[in-house]
Amino acid sequence: ASKASGFAPIAVEKDVSTATKCIDWCKQHEECMQVTYSTGNKGCYLFSKATTEAWQWSDSYNASYCADSKEKDHLMNMVKQVFSQKPAISEAVACSWAGDDCSQTKCCNDATCSWDLKGCKGYSCYQQPGGSAQCAETASWSTGTIIGGPRKVREVAKAEDGITVQGTSLFCFMVVNWKGKEGAIANNIKEKQ
């Protein structure tokens, strides 16, 4: 992989504050073959060599190739090669918490478990006769019509050879006794999201 260059300005003011301006800066330099813009640090990275090796997939990056229009077919083949490495990841689902309106999400985050955590049961989304819907413990004494259930497990399949592996991230979960001090801590975490 080639090293990024800023292609310092000589007689003009350099403005690469957006992805479009970053691409335009690449187009103004004949030796620029590829550009990557990062929304995270508003960084514009220009490369004198183009690569089809994808390191990461994220909405915070915009990568583009720069070349003469006569090379359009070659560039399109490079783009196809890059996208062949994109992993298939299911979308994250937003679910509701106990007592919250679940008429739109139709799924619930909470679960009740036995004291030894050997048996857990997810909450259900109950539609009430008046039209509202709330997440509540799935039990025979709950009222209303069940229109949704507990959050489904989201699994990401192992990447096949040649597919970009996603970056790692920390996933935290906690088991909460809602009637104790833990409930106050968990509610504080929920409010801060």
Protein backbone atom coordinates (compact mmCIF):
# COMPACT_ATOMS: atom_id res chain seq x y z
CA ALA A 1 0.00 0.00 0.00
CA SER A 2 1.26 3.45 -0.82
CA LYS A 3 1.69 6.12 1.78
CA ALA A 4 -0.78 9.02 1.98
CA SER A 5 0.30 12.46 0.87
CA GLY A 6 -1.35 15.81 1.45
CA PHE A 7 -0.21 17.22 -1.93
CA ALA A 8 0.56 20.58 -0.38
CA PRO A 9 -0.78 23.68 -2.18
CA ILE A 10 1.60 25.95 -4.04
CA ALA A 11 -0.46 28.90 -5.24
CA VAL A 12 -4.00 28.19 -4.02
CA GLU A 13 -5.73 27.78 -0.69
CA LYS A 14 -6.30 24.15 0.24
CA ASP A 15 -9.85 23.36 1.42
CA VAL A 16 -10.55 19.66 1.96
CA SER A 17 -13.21 20.03 4.66
CA THR A 18 -15.73 17.74 2.92
CA ALA A 19 -15.53 14.51 0.91
CA THR A 20 -16.41 16.40 -2.29
CA LYS A 21 -13.68 19.01 -1.71
CA CYS A 22 -11.21 16.25 -0.90
CA ILE A 23 -12.00 14.49 -4.19
CA ASP A 24 -11.68 17.80 -6.04
CA TRP A 25 -8.23 18.27 -4.47
CA CYS A 26 -7.22 14.84 -5.82
CA LYS A 27 -8.51 15.75 -9.29
CA GLN A 28 -6.27 18.85 -9.27
CA HIS A 29 -3.15 16.68 -8.91
CA GLU A 30 -2.22 14.47 -11.83
CA GLU A 31 -0.21 12.14 -9.58
CA CYS A 32 -3.19 11.48 -7.25
CA MET A 33 -4.72 8.08 -8.02
CA GLN A 34 -6.86 7.46 -4.94
CA VAL A 35 -8.34 9.57 -2.15
CA THR A 36 -9.92 8.71 1.20
CA TYR A 37 -11.90 11.19 3.27
CA SER A 38 -12.61 10.53 6.96
CA THR A 39 -15.57 12.31 8.55
CA GLY A 40 -14.23 11.41 12.00
CA ASN A 41 -11.19 13.67 11.86
CA LYS A 42 -12.13 15.49 8.63
CA GLY A 43 -8.93 14.06 7.16
CA CYS A 44 -8.22 14.02 3.44
CA TYR A 45 -5.69 11.37 2.39
CA LEU A 46 -4.34 11.30 -1.17
CA PHE A 47 -2.38 8.41 -2.66
CA SER A 48 -0.14 8.25 -5.73
CA LYS A 49 -0.99 4.55 -6.15
CA ALA A 50 -4.48 3.02 -6.20
CA THR A 51 -5.33 -0.20 -4.41
CA THR A 52 -8.31 -2.53 -4.40
CA GLU A 53 -7.54 -3.84 -0.92
CA ALA A 54 -10.28 -2.85 1.51
CA TRP A 55 -9.23 -2.48 5.14
CA GLN A 56 -12.49 -1.43 6.73
CA TRP A 57 -16.11 -0.65 5.84
CA SER A 58 -17.66 2.31 7.58
CA ASP A 59 -20.01 5.18 6.76
CA SER A 60 -17.35 7.50 8.18
CA TYR A 61 -15.03 6.91 5.19
CA ASN A 62 -15.38 7.92 1.55
CA ALA A 63 -12.81 6.46 -0.83
CA SER A 64 -12.57 7.36 -4.52
CA TYR A 65 -10.32 6.67 -7.47
CA CYS A 66 -9.01 9.53 -9.60
CA ALA A 67 -8.00 9.02 -13.23
CA ASP A 68 -8.64 10.14 -16.77
CA SER A 69 -12.14 9.40 -18.10
CA LYS A 70 -10.58 7.05 -20.69
CA GLU A 71 -9.86 4.67 -17.78
CA LYS A 72 -13.52 4.43 -16.72
CA ASP A 73 -13.83 0.69 -17.47
CA HIS A 74 -10.64 -0.09 -15.54
CA LEU A 75 -11.82 2.04 -12.60
CA MET A 76 -15.24 0.35 -12.57
CA ASN A 77 -13.52 -3.06 -12.46
CA MET A 78 -11.47 -1.84 -9.49
CA VAL A 79 -14.64 -0.66 -7.73
CA LYS A 80 -16.28 -4.07 -8.34
CA GLN A 81 -13.18 -5.76 -6.94
CA VAL A 82 -13.38 -3.61 -3.79
CA PHE A 83 -17.10 -4.25 -3.29
CA SER A 84 -16.58 -8.01 -3.70
CA GLN A 85 -14.75 -7.80 -0.34
CA LYS A 86 -17.64 -6.15 1.51
CA PRO A 87 -19.01 -8.32 4.32
CA ALA A 88 -22.73 -8.91 4.66
CA ILE A 89 -23.85 -7.60 8.04
CA SER A 90 -27.43 -7.56 9.16
CA GLU A 91 -28.81 -4.23 10.31
CA ALA A 92 -29.01 -3.57 14.02
CA VAL A 93 -32.57 -3.50 15.32
CA ALA A 94 -33.80 -0.87 17.77
CA CYS A 95 -36.06 -2.45 20.40
CA SER A 96 -38.05 -0.89 23.26
CA TRP A 97 -37.56 -1.21 27.01
CA ALA A 98 -40.10 -2.37 29.61
CA GLY A 99 -42.90 0.16 29.94
CA ASP A 100 -41.90 1.98 26.73
CA ASP A 101 -44.06 2.24 23.62
CA CYS A 102 -43.23 -0.68 21.33
CA SER A 103 -45.89 -0.07 18.66
CA GLN A 104 -43.17 0.87 16.13
CA THR A 105 -40.31 -1.45 17.15
CA LYS A 106 -42.46 -4.51 17.91
CA CYS A 107 -39.59 -5.95 19.97
CA CYS A 108 -38.40 -5.68 23.56
CA ASN A 109 -34.95 -5.52 25.17
CA ASP A 110 -35.85 -6.81 28.65
CA ALA A 111 -35.94 -10.37 29.92
CA THR A 112 -36.77 -12.05 33.22
CA CYS A 113 -34.56 -14.82 34.51
CA SER A 114 -34.63 -17.38 37.25
CA TRP A 115 -32.47 -16.61 40.29
CA ASP A 116 -29.68 -18.86 38.98
CA LEU A 117 -29.95 -17.48 35.40
CA LYS A 118 -30.59 -20.96 34.01
CA GLY A 119 -33.86 -19.92 32.47
CA CYS A 120 -34.58 -16.53 30.87
CA LYS A 121 -37.65 -15.34 29.01
CA GLY A 122 -37.79 -12.19 26.89
CA TYR A 123 -40.53 -9.58 27.25
CA SER A 124 -43.32 -9.24 24.69
CA CYS A 125 -44.88 -6.19 23.07
CA TYR A 126 -48.55 -6.01 24.12
CA GLN A 127 -51.06 -3.96 22.12
CA GLN A 128 -53.67 -2.49 24.47
CA PRO A 129 -57.34 -2.02 23.53
CA GLY A 130 -56.84 1.78 23.51
CA GLY A 131 -54.18 1.54 20.79
CA SER A 132 -50.99 1.95 22.82
CA ALA A 133 -48.42 -0.83 23.08
CA GLN A 134 -45.90 -1.56 25.82
CA CYS A 135 -43.16 -4.06 26.55
CA ALA A 136 -44.09 -6.25 29.50
CA GLU A 137 -43.16 -9.59 30.98
CA THR A 138 -44.43 -12.45 28.84
CA ALA A 139 -46.91 -14.05 31.24
CA SER A 140 -50.45 -15.36 31.37
CA TRP A 141 -51.51 -12.40 33.55
CA SER A 142 -50.33 -9.75 31.03
CA THR A 143 -53.17 -8.08 29.14
CA GLY A 144 -53.45 -7.14 25.51
CA THR A 145 -52.56 -8.76 22.20
CA ILE A 146 -48.94 -9.73 21.62
CA ILE A 147 -47.70 -7.88 18.51
CA GLY A 148 -43.97 -8.51 19.03
CA GLY A 149 -41.51 -10.40 21.14
CA PRO A 150 -38.02 -10.30 22.58
CA ARG A 151 -34.99 -8.99 20.72
CA LYS A 152 -33.76 -11.58 18.24
CA VAL A 153 -30.17 -12.73 18.47
CA ARG A 154 -28.06 -10.95 15.86
CA GLU A 155 -25.31 -13.14 14.47
CA VAL A 156 -22.57 -12.15 12.07
CA ALA A 157 -21.28 -15.05 10.03
CA LYS A 158 -17.55 -15.71 9.78
CA ALA A 159 -16.04 -13.85 6.84
CA GLU A 160 -15.02 -16.04 3.92
CA ASP A 161 -11.54 -15.76 2.41
CA GLY A 162 -11.16 -12.48 0.53
CA ILE A 163 -13.90 -10.71 2.50
CA THR A 164 -12.90 -7.80 4.72
CA VAL A 165 -13.12 -8.60 8.41
CA GLN A 166 -14.97 -5.99 10.42
CA GLY A 167 -13.15 -4.08 13.11
CA THR A 168 -13.62 -5.13 16.68
CA SER A 169 -15.84 -3.34 19.13
CA LEU A 170 -16.66 -3.88 22.75
CA PHE A 171 -20.08 -5.32 23.47
CA CYS A 172 -21.26 -5.04 27.05
CA PHE A 173 -24.27 -6.55 28.73
CA MET A 174 -25.42 -6.76 32.29
CA VAL A 175 -27.85 -8.84 34.30
CA VAL A 176 -29.90 -6.54 36.50
CA ASN A 177 -31.98 -6.95 39.62
CA TRP A 178 -34.44 -4.16 38.83
CA LYS A 179 -35.68 -3.99 42.41
CA GLY A 180 -32.23 -3.23 43.85
CA LYS A 181 -29.55 -0.58 43.32
CA GLU A 182 -28.62 -2.27 40.03
CA GLY A 183 -31.94 -1.10 38.57
CA ALA A 184 -31.03 2.54 39.21
CA ILE A 185 -27.64 2.03 37.53
CA ALA A 186 -29.21 0.32 34.52
CA ASN A 187 -31.84 3.06 34.17
CA ASN A 188 -29.07 5.66 34.22
CA ILE A 189 -27.25 3.80 31.42
CA LYS A 190 -30.49 3.58 29.40
CA GLU A 191 -31.07 7.33 29.76
CA LYS A 192 -27.51 8.16 28.61
CA GLN A 193 -27.74 6.21 25.33
